[in-house]
Protein backbone atom coordinates (compact mmCIF):
# COMPACT_ATOMS: atom_id res chain seq x y z
CA MET A 1 -3.41 -4.97 -8.62
CA PHE A 2 -4.12 -7.50 -5.86
CA HIS A 3 -4.74 -6.32 -2.29
CA ALA A 4 -5.55 -7.51 1.25
CA THR A 5 -6.03 -5.63 4.52
CA THR A 6 -5.28 -7.10 7.96
CA LYS A 7 -5.29 -5.06 11.21
CA ALA A 8 -5.30 -1.75 9.32
CA ILE A 9 -2.28 -2.76 7.22
CA GLU A 10 -3.02 -2.93 3.47
CA VAL A 11 -0.76 -4.96 1.19
CA ARG A 12 -0.96 -4.33 -2.55
CA VAL A 13 0.90 -6.45 -5.12
CA GLU A 14 1.33 -6.02 -8.85
CA PRO A 15 3.14 -8.84 -10.73
CA GLN A 16 4.77 -8.43 -14.13
CA PHE A 17 6.05 -11.17 -16.42
CA LEU A 18 9.65 -10.55 -17.54
CA ASP A 19 9.89 -11.96 -21.04
CA GLU A 20 13.47 -10.77 -21.56
CA GLN A 21 14.67 -12.73 -18.49
CA SER A 22 12.65 -15.85 -19.28
CA SER A 23 13.65 -18.80 -21.43
CA PRO A 24 10.56 -20.84 -22.40
CA GLU A 25 12.64 -23.38 -24.35
CA ASP A 26 14.46 -24.14 -21.06
CA HIS A 27 11.24 -24.03 -18.98
CA GLN A 28 12.39 -20.91 -17.12
CA TYR A 29 9.85 -18.14 -16.55
CA PHE A 30 10.51 -15.07 -14.42
CA TRP A 31 8.24 -12.47 -12.81
CA ALA A 32 8.90 -9.27 -10.93
CA TYR A 33 6.38 -8.18 -8.33
CA TYR A 34 5.95 -4.73 -6.84
CA VAL A 35 4.67 -4.59 -3.25
CA GLU A 36 3.22 -1.66 -1.29
CA ILE A 37 2.52 -2.00 2.43
CA GLU A 38 0.42 0.86 3.79
CA ASN A 39 -0.04 1.44 7.52
CA GLN A 40 -3.61 2.70 7.86
CA GLY A 41 -3.50 2.24 11.65
CA ALA A 42 -2.75 4.60 14.53
CA GLU A 43 0.67 3.26 15.58
CA PRO A 44 3.98 2.38 13.90
CA VAL A 45 4.59 -1.24 12.93
CA GLN A 46 7.76 -3.08 11.94
CA LEU A 47 7.93 -5.76 9.28
CA LEU A 48 9.98 -8.58 10.83
CA GLY A 49 9.63 -11.46 8.37
CA ARG A 50 7.93 -13.07 5.42
CA HIS A 51 6.34 -16.41 4.57
CA TRP A 52 5.66 -16.94 0.87
CA ARG A 53 3.97 -19.89 -0.81
CA ILE A 54 4.88 -20.09 -4.50
CA THR A 55 2.86 -22.59 -6.53
CA ASN A 56 3.75 -23.54 -10.10
CA GLY A 57 1.38 -24.59 -12.88
CA HIS A 58 1.63 -28.27 -11.81
CA GLY A 59 0.45 -27.46 -8.27
CA ASP A 60 3.89 -27.92 -6.67
CA THR A 61 4.38 -25.44 -3.83
CA GLN A 62 7.63 -24.00 -2.53
CA GLU A 63 7.69 -22.14 0.79
CA VAL A 64 10.06 -19.25 1.44
CA ILE A 65 10.44 -18.11 5.04
CA GLY A 66 12.87 -15.41 6.07
CA GLU A 67 13.60 -12.22 7.94
CA GLY A 68 12.39 -8.92 6.54
CA VAL A 69 12.11 -8.20 2.83
CA VAL A 70 14.92 -7.38 0.39
CA GLY A 71 17.36 -7.22 3.32
CA GLU A 72 15.28 -4.74 5.33
CA GLN A 73 12.99 -4.80 8.36
CA PRO A 74 11.27 -1.46 7.88
CA VAL A 75 9.29 0.48 10.47
CA ILE A 76 6.16 1.87 8.81
CA GLN A 77 4.66 4.93 10.46
CA PRO A 78 0.89 5.59 10.51
CA GLY A 79 -0.21 6.92 7.14
CA GLU A 80 3.03 5.85 5.45
CA THR A 81 3.66 3.27 2.73
CA TYR A 82 6.72 1.05 2.33
CA SER A 83 7.33 -0.40 -1.14
CA TYR A 84 9.79 -2.77 -2.74
CA THR A 85 10.27 -4.90 -5.84
CA SER A 86 11.38 -8.52 -5.90
CA GLY A 87 11.17 -11.47 -8.27
CA ALA A 88 10.22 -15.09 -8.60
CA PRO A 89 11.20 -17.80 -11.10
CA LEU A 90 8.98 -20.72 -12.08
CA GLY A 91 9.57 -23.81 -14.18
CA THR A 92 6.06 -23.52 -15.65
CA PRO A 93 4.47 -20.69 -17.67
CA SER A 94 1.97 -19.88 -14.91
CA GLY A 95 1.40 -20.18 -11.19
CA PHE A 96 0.51 -18.07 -8.19
CA MET A 97 1.97 -16.67 -4.97
CA GLY A 98 0.67 -15.53 -1.61
CA GLY A 99 1.56 -15.62 2.06
CA GLU A 100 1.98 -13.54 5.20
CA TYR A 101 4.24 -10.90 6.70
CA LYS A 102 5.18 -11.04 10.37
CA MET A 103 4.71 -7.62 11.93
CA GLU A 104 5.38 -6.14 15.37
CA SER A 105 3.56 -3.26 17.02
CA THR A 106 5.29 -0.64 19.17
CA ALA A 107 3.73 -2.42 22.16
CA GLY A 108 5.74 -5.54 21.22
CA GLU A 109 2.78 -7.54 19.89
CA ASP A 110 3.70 -9.87 17.00
CA PHE A 111 0.98 -10.50 14.44
CA MET A 112 0.63 -11.81 10.89
CA ILE A 113 -0.85 -9.89 7.97
CA ASP A 114 -2.02 -11.39 4.70
CA ILE A 115 -0.17 -11.03 1.43
CA PRO A 116 -2.93 -11.40 -1.18
CA ALA A 117 -2.71 -14.39 -3.48
CA PHE A 118 -1.82 -13.23 -6.98
CA SER A 119 -1.50 -14.98 -10.30
CA LEU A 120 1.68 -15.35 -12.30
CA ASP A 121 0.56 -15.44 -15.92
CA SER A 122 2.79 -15.48 -18.98
CA PRO A 123 1.94 -15.31 -22.68
CA TYR A 124 3.28 -18.87 -22.94
CA ASP A 125 0.44 -20.28 -20.85
CA ILE A 126 -1.99 -21.30 -23.60
CA HIS A 127 -5.21 -23.08 -22.71
CA ALA A 128 -7.25 -24.92 -25.30
CA VAL A 129 -10.65 -23.34 -25.96
CA ASN A 130 -13.46 -25.66 -27.04
């Protein structure tokens, strides 16, 4: 599991390659990723938006910017954890993702928290060993 903590908010991510949804002969590879966002601070925070950077095995990066996550803008109380699952396709058998969430405190302060960079590895990504 990959994790990062910013301003007492810990983000944990666990990716999983989905072989049954992938089609290597068509250069289509698909991952699910499970995210937990834990508020270790003293006040509630709301997740307002996301900014993902998805990089394929050739180094090409796609940015995804949007409101909330999976159609929600959750308020996370102190000591609570919000979790969700989403997915990402790639045209290469490996890559990586990372980014930031835009949060807001109850005082109205907007701030960014890190989403840890995590690798997207499939069994089809074979490297030559010398």
